[in-house]
Amino acid sequence: MILLSMTLLLLHQGYALISVITVPLGQPVTFMCLFPGAEYSNTRVKWYKQSIGDSLLLITTLLKATSTPSFEKGFNSLRFDANYTTITSTLTILRTVQGDEAVYHCVVSNWSDEKWSGMYLSLKENTQNTAKYTVVQWSTASDPVRPGDSVTLQCSVLSDSESKSCPEEHKVYWFRAGSDESHLSLIYAHENRSDQCEKSPEIRSPQKCVYSFSKKVSSSDAGTYYCAVATCGEILFGNGTKLDIEAKQRTSAESWGAV
């Protein structure tokens, strides 16, 4: 289990980097992307938003010559601002709304290289008294997993009954890192339902909540899946479940062509 509170999460020797930023709903927030000016003398910076289960949405593209940023459809200068210097780029949301909760990707590229970093924005109305949580992951996938198989990933969230919990419910998300571990994608969120949790009659026993994520997989779904719990200004990640998908075997007719 990995615990974050306004800090950085580094997975798999630095290949996937995501920061978690928590701000009160309605307040501004600024995301910062750092890059060495000497190495990226001819850089282009793209900012993307990725909401739960959605694909990447381009917010803006910045070049060094950019004086006033131009925003894509759905984003405008009344709520967003962006900046580009020789070593940094920033994206600011001037006033946050609930729909802003998402992963924001910064992509820095030149002619030969591209680097990704991600910032997860969590919006909270109260960030006091975090409960102690433990996140445990497992999978019902068969071995090997083939395209077309149905796979269920499961996540147990254990909370310490003796600790003071937040007045709000926790939120549970699934993230996926692709086979190249380049960046994390937010793919699913669970609604808070009482039937997902069971409280032990033992006073000192933890409450247990179980969440499942199922889908029929294709070869493009390979990667590592992380269950994450966001609560009280913190986000806790499980250790991840790696999903390897075996390539579909070609028949003789497919290999040589039908006679």
C-alpha atoms as a PDB file:
ATOM      1  CA  MET A   1       0.000   0.000   0.000  1.00  0.00           C
ATOM      2  CA  ILE A   2       1.246   3.494  -0.867  1.00  0.00           C
ATOM      3  CA  LEU A   3       0.007   6.563   0.999  1.00  0.00           C
ATOM      4  CA  LEU A   4      -0.055   9.997  -0.615  1.00  0.00           C
ATOM      5  CA  SER A   5      -0.940  13.410   0.759  1.00  0.00           C
ATOM      6  CA  MET A   6      -0.109  16.248  -1.638  1.00  0.00           C
ATOM      7  CA  THR A   7       2.976  14.238  -2.634  1.00  0.00           C
ATOM      8  CA  LEU A   8       4.292  12.255  -5.581  1.00  0.00           C
ATOM      9  CA  LEU A   9       3.627   8.634  -6.383  1.00  0.00           C
ATOM     10  CA  LEU A  10       6.460   6.917  -8.229  1.00  0.00           C
ATOM     11  CA  LEU A  11       5.746   3.518  -9.739  1.00  0.00           C
ATOM     12  CA  HIS A  12       8.098   0.995 -11.340  1.00  0.00           C
ATOM     13  CA  GLN A  13      11.438   2.763 -11.103  1.00  0.00           C
ATOM     14  CA  GLY A  14      10.242   6.129 -12.307  1.00  0.00           C
ATOM     15  CA  TYR A  15       8.410   5.190 -15.469  1.00  0.00           C
ATOM     16  CA  ALA A  16       5.019   6.412 -14.267  1.00  0.00           C
ATOM     17  CA  LEU A  17       4.734   9.590 -12.255  1.00  0.00           C
ATOM     18  CA  ILE A  18       1.540  10.942 -10.825  1.00  0.00           C
ATOM     19  CA  SER A  19       1.052  13.628  -8.208  1.00  0.00           C
ATOM     20  CA  VAL A  20      -2.045  14.063  -6.093  1.00  0.00           C
ATOM     21  CA  ILE A  21      -3.344  17.563  -5.434  1.00  0.00           C
ATOM     22  CA  THR A  22      -6.249  18.187  -3.073  1.00  0.00           C
ATOM     23  CA  VAL A  23      -7.989  21.553  -2.922  1.00  0.00           C
ATOM     24  CA  PRO A  24     -11.308  22.763  -1.493  1.00  0.00           C
ATOM     25  CA  LEU A  25     -14.127  22.848  -4.031  1.00  0.00           C
ATOM     26  CA  GLY A  26     -14.421  26.318  -5.581  1.00  0.00           C
ATOM     27  CA  GLN A  27     -10.794  27.277  -4.964  1.00  0.00           C
ATOM     28  CA  PRO A  28      -8.147  27.748  -7.691  1.00  0.00           C
ATOM     29  CA  VAL A  29      -5.467  25.171  -8.390  1.00  0.00           C
ATOM     30  CA  THR A  30      -2.241  25.282 -10.397  1.00  0.00           C
ATOM     31  CA  PHE A  31      -0.509  22.255 -11.924  1.00  0.00           C
ATOM     32  CA  MET A  32       3.198  22.563 -12.680  1.00  0.00           C
ATOM     33  CA  CYS A  33       5.252  20.599 -15.188  1.00  0.00           C
ATOM     34  CA  LEU A  34       9.062  20.810 -14.949  1.00  0.00           C
ATOM     35  CA  PHE A  35      11.556  20.129 -17.723  1.00  0.00           C
ATOM     36  CA  PRO A  36      15.261  20.992 -18.302  1.00  0.00           C
ATOM     37  CA  GLY A  37      15.600  23.981 -20.603  1.00  0.00           C
ATOM     38  CA  ALA A  38      18.877  22.851 -22.161  1.00  0.00           C
ATOM     39  CA  GLU A  39      17.582  19.405 -23.134  1.00  0.00           C
ATOM     40  CA  TYR A  40      14.284  20.756 -24.423  1.00  0.00           C
ATOM     41  CA  SER A  41      15.404  23.801 -26.382  1.00  0.00           C
ATOM     42  CA  ASN A  42      12.637  23.226 -28.964  1.00  0.00           C
ATOM     43  CA  THR A  43       9.794  21.926 -26.889  1.00  0.00           C
ATOM     44  CA  ARG A  44       6.067  21.670 -27.279  1.00  0.00           C
ATOM     45  CA  VAL A  45       3.861  21.253 -24.211  1.00  0.00           C
ATOM     46  CA  LYS A  46       0.386  19.746 -24.331  1.00  0.00           C
ATOM     47  CA  TRP A  47      -2.016  19.662 -21.383  1.00  0.00           C
ATOM     48  CA  TYR A  48      -4.732  16.985 -21.290  1.00  0.00           C
ATOM     49  CA  LYS A  49      -7.654  16.227 -18.993  1.00  0.00           C
ATOM     50  CA  GLN A  50      -8.803  12.651 -18.402  1.00  0.00           C
ATOM     51  CA  SER A  51     -12.014  12.121 -16.453  1.00  0.00           C
ATOM     52  CA  ILE A  52     -13.103   8.750 -15.125  1.00  0.00           C
ATOM     53  CA  GLY A  53     -13.523   6.247 -17.937  1.00  0.00           C
ATOM     54  CA  ASP A  54     -12.926   8.862 -20.637  1.00  0.00           C
ATOM     55  CA  SER A  55     -10.187   9.295 -23.212  1.00  0.00           C
ATOM     56  CA  LEU A  56      -7.724  12.168 -23.162  1.00  0.00           C
ATOM     57  CA  LEU A  57      -9.144  15.626 -23.874  1.00  0.00           C
ATOM     58  CA  LEU A  58      -6.665  18.188 -25.159  1.00  0.00           C
ATOM     59  CA  ILE A  59      -6.847  21.431 -23.165  1.00  0.00           C
ATOM     60  CA  THR A  60      -4.124  23.509 -24.807  1.00  0.00           C
ATOM     61  CA  THR A  61      -0.878  23.297 -26.790  1.00  0.00           C
ATOM     62  CA  LEU A  62       1.955  25.633 -25.825  1.00  0.00           C
ATOM     63  CA  LEU A  63       5.065  26.654 -27.749  1.00  0.00           C
ATOM     64  CA  LYS A  64       7.791  29.006 -26.603  1.00  0.00           C
ATOM     65  CA  ALA A  65       6.481  31.623 -28.962  1.00  0.00           C
ATOM     66  CA  THR A  66       3.024  31.376 -27.384  1.00  0.00           C
ATOM     67  CA  SER A  67       2.066  34.671 -25.802  1.00  0.00           C
ATOM     68  CA  THR A  68      -1.615  34.069 -25.121  1.00  0.00           C
ATOM     69  CA  PRO A  69      -2.649  30.425 -24.770  1.00  0.00           C
ATOM     70  CA  SER A  70      -5.338  29.105 -27.078  1.00  0.00           C
ATOM     71  CA  PHE A  71      -7.761  26.636 -25.467  1.00  0.00           C
ATOM     72  CA  GLU A  72      -9.613  23.786 -27.115  1.00  0.00           C
ATOM     73  CA  LYS A  73     -13.400  23.419 -27.193  1.00  0.00           C
ATOM     74  CA  GLY A  74     -14.812  22.926 -23.709  1.00  0.00           C
ATOM     75  CA  PHE A  75     -12.018  24.914 -22.064  1.00  0.00           C
ATOM     76  CA  ASN A  76     -11.787  28.700 -22.060  1.00  0.00           C
ATOM     77  CA  SER A  77      -9.802  31.564 -20.582  1.00  0.00           C
ATOM     78  CA  LEU A  78     -12.629  32.453 -18.179  1.00  0.00           C
ATOM     79  CA  ARG A  79     -11.728  29.414 -16.069  1.00  0.00           C
ATOM     80  CA  PHE A  80      -8.312  28.310 -17.338  1.00  0.00           C
ATOM     81  CA  ASP A  81      -4.896  29.881 -17.720  1.00  0.00           C
ATOM     82  CA  ALA A  82      -1.619  28.385 -18.976  1.00  0.00           C
ATOM     83  CA  ASN A  83       2.001  29.510 -19.036  1.00  0.00           C
ATOM     84  CA  TYR A  84       5.285  28.365 -20.578  1.00  0.00           C
ATOM     85  CA  THR A  85       8.817  29.351 -19.512  1.00  0.00           C
ATOM     86  CA  THR A  86      12.200  27.845 -20.398  1.00  0.00           C
ATOM     87  CA  ILE A  87      11.989  25.208 -17.657  1.00  0.00           C
ATOM     88  CA  THR A  88       8.347  25.004 -16.560  1.00  0.00           C
ATOM     89  CA  SER A  89       4.781  25.012 -17.769  1.00  0.00           C
ATOM     90  CA  THR A  90       1.735  25.660 -15.605  1.00  0.00           C
ATOM     91  CA  LEU A  91      -1.965  25.077 -16.013  1.00  0.00           C
ATOM     92  CA  THR A  92      -4.345  26.935 -13.672  1.00  0.00           C
ATOM     93  CA  ILE A  93      -8.022  26.362 -13.018  1.00  0.00           C
ATOM     94  CA  LEU A  94      -9.208  29.721 -11.719  1.00  0.00           C
ATOM     95  CA  ARG A  95     -12.248  28.333  -9.900  1.00  0.00           C
ATOM     96  CA  THR A  96     -12.755  24.593  -9.502  1.00  0.00           C
ATOM     97  CA  VAL A  97     -16.094  22.836 -10.022  1.00  0.00           C
ATOM     98  CA  GLN A  98     -16.937  19.198  -9.303  1.00  0.00           C
ATOM     99  CA  GLY A  99     -16.430  18.220 -12.941  1.00  0.00           C
ATOM    100  CA  ASP A 100     -12.774  19.258 -12.724  1.00  0.00           C
ATOM    101  CA  GLU A 101     -11.895  16.202 -10.621  1.00  0.00           C
ATOM    102  CA  ALA A 102      -9.726  14.185 -13.015  1.00  0.00           C
ATOM    103  CA  VAL A 103      -6.156  13.361 -14.021  1.00  0.00           C
ATOM    104  CA  TYR A 104      -4.311  16.189 -15.780  1.00  0.00           C
ATOM    105  CA  HIS A 105      -1.480  15.083 -18.047  1.00  0.00           C
ATOM    106  CA  CYS A 106       1.451  17.249 -19.080  1.00  0.00           C
ATOM    107  CA  VAL A 107       3.254  16.020 -22.209  1.00  0.00           C
ATOM    108  CA  VAL A 108       6.606  17.623 -23.018  1.00  0.00           C
ATOM    109  CA  SER A 109       8.017  16.706 -26.423  1.00  0.00           C
ATOM    110  CA  ASN A 110      10.664  17.657 -28.941  1.00  0.00           C
ATOM    111  CA  TRP A 111      11.757  16.067 -32.210  1.00  0.00           C
ATOM    112  CA  SER A 112      13.107  12.905 -30.588  1.00  0.00           C
ATOM    113  CA  ASP A 113      11.627  12.515 -27.123  1.00  0.00           C
ATOM    114  CA  GLU A 114       8.365  12.722 -25.188  1.00  0.00           C
ATOM    115  CA  LYS A 115       7.828  12.761 -21.432  1.00  0.00           C
ATOM    116  CA  TRP A 116       4.550  12.364 -19.548  1.00  0.00           C
ATOM    117  CA  SER A 117       3.620  13.333 -16.029  1.00  0.00           C
ATOM    118  CA  GLY A 118       0.202  13.181 -14.402  1.00  0.00           C
ATOM    119  CA  MET A 119      -1.537  15.132 -11.662  1.00  0.00           C
ATOM    120  CA  TYR A 120      -4.697  13.808 -10.053  1.00  0.00           C
ATOM    121  CA  LEU A 121      -6.996  16.563  -8.783  1.00  0.00           C
ATOM    122  CA  SER A 122      -9.120  15.598  -5.790  1.00  0.00           C
ATOM    123  CA  LEU A 123     -11.764  18.107  -4.677  1.00  0.00           C
ATOM    124  CA  LYS A 124     -12.783  18.076  -1.039  1.00  0.00           C
ATOM    125  CA  GLU A 125     -15.119  20.059   1.164  1.00  0.00           C
ATOM    126  CA  ASN A 126     -13.635  18.748   4.398  1.00  0.00           C
ATOM    127  CA  THR A 127     -10.165  17.253   4.869  1.00  0.00           C
ATOM    128  CA  GLN A 128     -10.057  16.399   8.568  1.00  0.00           C
ATOM    129  CA  ASN A 129      -9.495  13.202  10.542  1.00  0.00           C
ATOM    130  CA  THR A 130      -8.449  10.599   8.008  1.00  0.00           C
ATOM    131  CA  ALA A 131      -9.294   7.003   8.801  1.00  0.00           C
ATOM    132  CA  LYS A 132      -6.551   4.415   8.552  1.00  0.00           C
ATOM    133  CA  TYR A 133      -7.156   2.374   5.418  1.00  0.00           C
ATOM    134  CA  THR A 134      -5.513  -0.712   3.952  1.00  0.00           C
ATOM    135  CA  VAL A 135      -5.992  -1.552   0.257  1.00  0.00           C
ATOM    136  CA  VAL A 136      -5.699  -5.194  -0.858  1.00  0.00           C
ATOM    137  CA  GLN A 137      -6.001  -6.271  -4.512  1.00  0.00           C
ATOM    138  CA  TRP A 138      -6.481  -9.587  -6.278  1.00  0.00           C
ATOM    139  CA  SER A 139      -7.816 -10.989  -9.535  1.00  0.00           C
ATOM    140  CA  THR A 140     -10.005 -13.906 -10.631  1.00  0.00           C
ATOM    141  CA  ALA A 141      -8.273 -14.039 -14.010  1.00  0.00           C
ATOM    142  CA  SER A 142      -7.309 -17.443 -15.360  1.00  0.00           C
ATOM    143  CA  ASP A 143      -3.740 -18.167 -16.440  1.00  0.00           C
ATOM    144  CA  PRO A 144      -3.137 -17.479 -19.245  1.00  0.00           C
ATOM    145  CA  VAL A 145      -5.593 -14.703 -20.089  1.00  0.00           C
ATOM    146  CA  ARG A 146      -6.635 -14.617 -23.739  1.00  0.00           C
ATOM    147  CA  PRO A 147      -8.433 -11.936 -25.758  1.00  0.00           C
ATOM    148  CA  GLY A 148     -12.172 -12.297 -25.227  1.00  0.00           C
ATOM    149  CA  ASP A 149     -11.862 -13.680 -21.695  1.00  0.00           C
ATOM    150  CA  SER A 150     -13.898 -12.042 -18.938  1.00  0.00           C
ATOM    151  CA  VAL A 151     -11.681 -10.789 -16.114  1.00  0.00           C
ATOM    152  CA  THR A 152     -12.712  -9.545 -12.673  1.00  0.00           C
ATOM    153  CA  LEU A 153     -10.356  -7.424 -10.593  1.00  0.00           C
ATOM    154  CA  GLN A 154     -11.201  -7.070  -6.925  1.00  0.00           C
ATOM    155  CA  CYS A 155     -10.168  -4.647  -4.242  1.00  0.00           C
ATOM    156  CA  SER A 156     -10.765  -4.802  -0.487  1.00  0.00           C
ATOM    157  CA  VAL A 157     -10.649  -1.604   1.539  1.00  0.00           C
ATOM    158  CA  LEU A 158     -10.149  -2.176   5.276  1.00  0.00           C
ATOM    159  CA  SER A 159     -10.705   0.772   7.622  1.00  0.00           C
ATOM    160  CA  ASP A 160      -9.548   0.972  11.216  1.00  0.00           C
ATOM    161  CA  SER A 161     -12.697   1.222  13.346  1.00  0.00           C
ATOM    162  CA  GLU A 162     -10.803   2.960  16.147  1.00  0.00           C
ATOM    163  CA  SER A 163      -9.591   5.851  14.002  1.00  0.00           C
ATOM    164  CA  LYS A 164     -11.687   8.939  13.377  1.00  0.00           C
ATOM    165  CA  SER A 165     -13.089   8.898   9.868  1.00  0.00           C
ATOM    166  CA  CYS A 166     -14.069  11.801   7.652  1.00  0.00           C
ATOM    167  CA  PRO A 167     -17.666  12.956   7.597  1.00  0.00           C
ATOM    168  CA  GLU A 168     -17.710  12.148   3.877  1.00  0.00           C
ATOM    169  CA  GLU A 169     -17.529   8.705   2.272  1.00  0.00           C
ATOM    170  CA  HIS A 170     -14.350   7.541   0.591  1.00  0.00           C
ATOM    171  CA  LYS A 171     -14.117   7.259  -3.193  1.00  0.00           C
ATOM    172  CA  VAL A 172     -12.660   4.230  -4.951  1.00  0.00           C
ATOM    173  CA  TYR A 173     -11.001   4.450  -8.372  1.00  0.00           C
ATOM    174  CA  TRP A 174      -9.256   2.093 -10.782  1.00  0.00           C
ATOM    175  CA  PHE A 175      -6.153   3.289 -12.623  1.00  0.00           C
ATOM    176  CA  ARG A 176      -4.336   1.474 -15.426  1.00  0.00           C
ATOM    177  CA  ALA A 177      -0.689   1.731 -16.413  1.00  0.00           C
ATOM    178  CA  GLY A 178      -0.044   0.412 -19.942  1.00  0.00           C
ATOM    179  CA  SER A 179       2.489  -2.256 -20.754  1.00  0.00           C
ATOM    180  CA  ASP A 180       5.162   0.414 -21.256  1.00  0.00           C
ATOM    181  CA  GLU A 181       4.303   1.924 -17.816  1.00  0.00           C
ATOM    182  CA  SER A 182       4.486   5.388 -19.394  1.00  0.00           C
ATOM    183  CA  HIS A 183       1.552   6.970 -17.557  1.00  0.00           C
ATOM    184  CA  LEU A 184      -1.536   6.147 -15.542  1.00  0.00           C
ATOM    185  CA  SER A 185      -5.068   6.303 -16.916  1.00  0.00           C
ATOM    186  CA  LEU A 186      -8.146   6.733 -14.759  1.00  0.00           C
ATOM    187  CA  ILE A 187     -10.642   4.163 -16.037  1.00  0.00           C
ATOM    188  CA  TYR A 188     -13.424   3.628 -13.497  1.00  0.00           C
ATOM    189  CA  ALA A 189     -14.930   4.924 -10.250  1.00  0.00           C
ATOM    190  CA  HIS A 190     -17.227   3.141  -7.813  1.00  0.00           C
ATOM    191  CA  GLU A 191     -20.340   4.715  -6.373  1.00  0.00           C
ATOM    192  CA  ASN A 192     -20.578   4.585  -2.584  1.00  0.00           C
ATOM    193  CA  ARG A 193     -23.120   1.897  -1.658  1.00  0.00           C
ATOM    194  CA  SER A 194     -23.743   0.454   1.779  1.00  0.00           C
ATOM    195  CA  ASP A 195     -24.115  -3.079   0.379  1.00  0.00           C
ATOM    196  CA  GLN A 196     -20.430  -3.070  -0.599  1.00  0.00           C
ATOM    197  CA  CYS A 197     -19.310  -2.787   3.027  1.00  0.00           C
ATOM    198  CA  GLU A 198     -19.679  -5.014   6.031  1.00  0.00           C
ATOM    199  CA  LYS A 199     -18.899  -4.033   9.612  1.00  0.00           C
ATOM    200  CA  SER A 200     -17.685  -6.681  12.011  1.00  0.00           C
ATOM    201  CA  PRO A 201     -19.547  -7.015  15.324  1.00  0.00           C
ATOM    202  CA  GLU A 202     -16.151  -7.085  16.996  1.00  0.00           C
ATOM    203  CA  ILE A 203     -15.400  -3.603  18.354  1.00  0.00           C
ATOM    204  CA  ARG A 204     -11.752  -3.712  17.365  1.00  0.00           C
ATOM    205  CA  SER A 205     -12.299  -5.367  13.996  1.00  0.00           C
ATOM    206  CA  PRO A 206     -12.044  -3.238  10.836  1.00  0.00           C
ATOM    207  CA  GLN A 207     -14.833  -2.471   8.418  1.00  0.00           C
ATOM    208  CA  LYS A 208     -14.346  -4.232   5.081  1.00  0.00           C
ATOM    209  CA  CYS A 209     -15.557  -2.904   1.722  1.00  0.00           C
ATOM    210  CA  VAL A 210     -15.137  -5.003  -1.423  1.00  0.00           C
ATOM    211  CA  TYR A 211     -15.165  -3.488  -4.929  1.00  0.00           C
ATOM    212  CA  SER A 212     -15.091  -5.385  -8.212  1.00  0.00           C
ATOM    213  CA  PHE A 213     -14.236  -4.253 -11.721  1.00  0.00           C
ATOM    214  CA  SER A 214     -15.071  -6.649 -14.574  1.00  0.00           C
ATOM    215  CA  LYS A 215     -14.601  -6.480 -18.312  1.00  0.00           C
ATOM    216  CA  LYS A 216     -14.053  -8.617 -21.395  1.00  0.00           C
ATOM    217  CA  VAL A 217     -10.447  -8.006 -22.339  1.00  0.00           C
ATOM    218  CA  SER A 218      -8.604  -7.498 -25.604  1.00  0.00           C
ATOM    219  CA  SER A 219      -4.862  -7.466 -26.231  1.00  0.00           C
ATOM    220  CA  SER A 220      -4.801  -3.683 -25.704  1.00  0.00           C
ATOM    221  CA  ASP A 221      -5.990  -4.108 -22.081  1.00  0.00           C
ATOM    222  CA  ALA A 222      -2.677  -5.542 -20.896  1.00  0.00           C
ATOM    223  CA  GLY A 223      -1.022  -3.581 -18.116  1.00  0.00           C
ATOM    224  CA  THR A 224      -1.050  -3.058 -14.366  1.00  0.00           C
ATOM    225  CA  TYR A 225      -4.297  -2.090 -12.653  1.00  0.00           C
ATOM    226  CA  TYR A 226      -4.294  -0.101  -9.412  1.00  0.00           C
ATOM    227  CA  CYS A 227      -7.163   0.264  -6.968  1.00  0.00           C
ATOM    228  CA  ALA A 228      -7.040   3.629  -5.183  1.00  0.00           C
ATOM    229  CA  VAL A 229      -9.013   5.083  -2.279  1.00  0.00           C
ATOM    230  CA  ALA A 230      -9.401   8.864  -2.045  1.00  0.00           C
ATOM    231  CA  THR A 231     -10.450  10.194   1.333  1.00  0.00           C
ATOM    232  CA  CYS A 232      -9.891  13.293   3.466  1.00  0.00           C
ATOM    233  CA  GLY A 233      -7.255  14.867   1.224  1.00  0.00           C
ATOM    234  CA  GLU A 234      -5.270  11.653   0.810  1.00  0.00           C
ATOM    235  CA  ILE A 235      -5.208   8.870  -1.748  1.00  0.00           C
ATOM    236  CA  LEU A 236      -4.003   5.344  -1.082  1.00  0.00           C
ATOM    237  CA  PHE A 237      -2.983   2.970  -3.868  1.00  0.00           C
ATOM    238  CA  GLY A 238      -2.931  -0.798  -3.746  1.00  0.00           C
ATOM    239  CA  ASN A 239       0.171  -2.646  -4.915  1.00  0.00           C
ATOM    240  CA  GLY A 240      -1.344  -3.285  -8.330  1.00  0.00           C
ATOM    241  CA  THR A 241      -2.543  -6.309 -10.284  1.00  0.00           C
ATOM    242  CA  LYS A 242      -0.624  -7.086 -13.463  1.00  0.00           C
ATOM    243  CA  LEU A 243      -2.680  -8.412 -16.351  1.00  0.00           C
ATOM    244  CA  ASP A 244      -0.766 -10.227 -19.093  1.00  0.00           C
ATOM    245  CA  ILE A 245      -2.832 -11.135 -22.134  1.00  0.00           C
ATOM    246  CA  GLU A 246      -1.647 -13.962 -24.354  1.00  0.00           C
ATOM    247  CA  ALA A 247      -1.625 -13.257 -28.076  1.00  0.00           C
ATOM    248  CA  LYS A 248      -4.313 -15.022 -30.059  1.00  0.00           C
ATOM    249  CA  GLN A 249      -3.012 -18.177 -31.711  1.00  0.00           C
ATOM    250  CA  ARG A 250      -3.356 -18.164 -35.482  1.00  0.00           C
ATOM    251  CA  THR A 251      -4.775 -21.237 -37.170  1.00  0.00           C
ATOM    252  CA  SER A 252      -3.042 -22.869 -40.127  1.00  0.00           C
ATOM    253  CA  ALA A 253      -5.616 -21.382 -42.467  1.00  0.00           C
ATOM    254  CA  GLU A 254      -4.970 -17.903 -41.056  1.00  0.00           C
ATOM    255  CA  SER A 255      -1.209 -18.381 -41.315  1.00  0.00           C
ATOM    256  CA  TRP A 256      -1.124 -19.693 -44.885  1.00  0.00           C
ATOM    257  CA  GLY A 257      -4.378 -18.343 -46.258  1.00  0.00           C
ATOM    258  CA  ALA A 258      -7.483 -20.331 -47.108  1.00  0.00           C
ATOM    259  CA  VAL A 259      -7.059 -22.814 -49.915  1.00  0.00           C
END
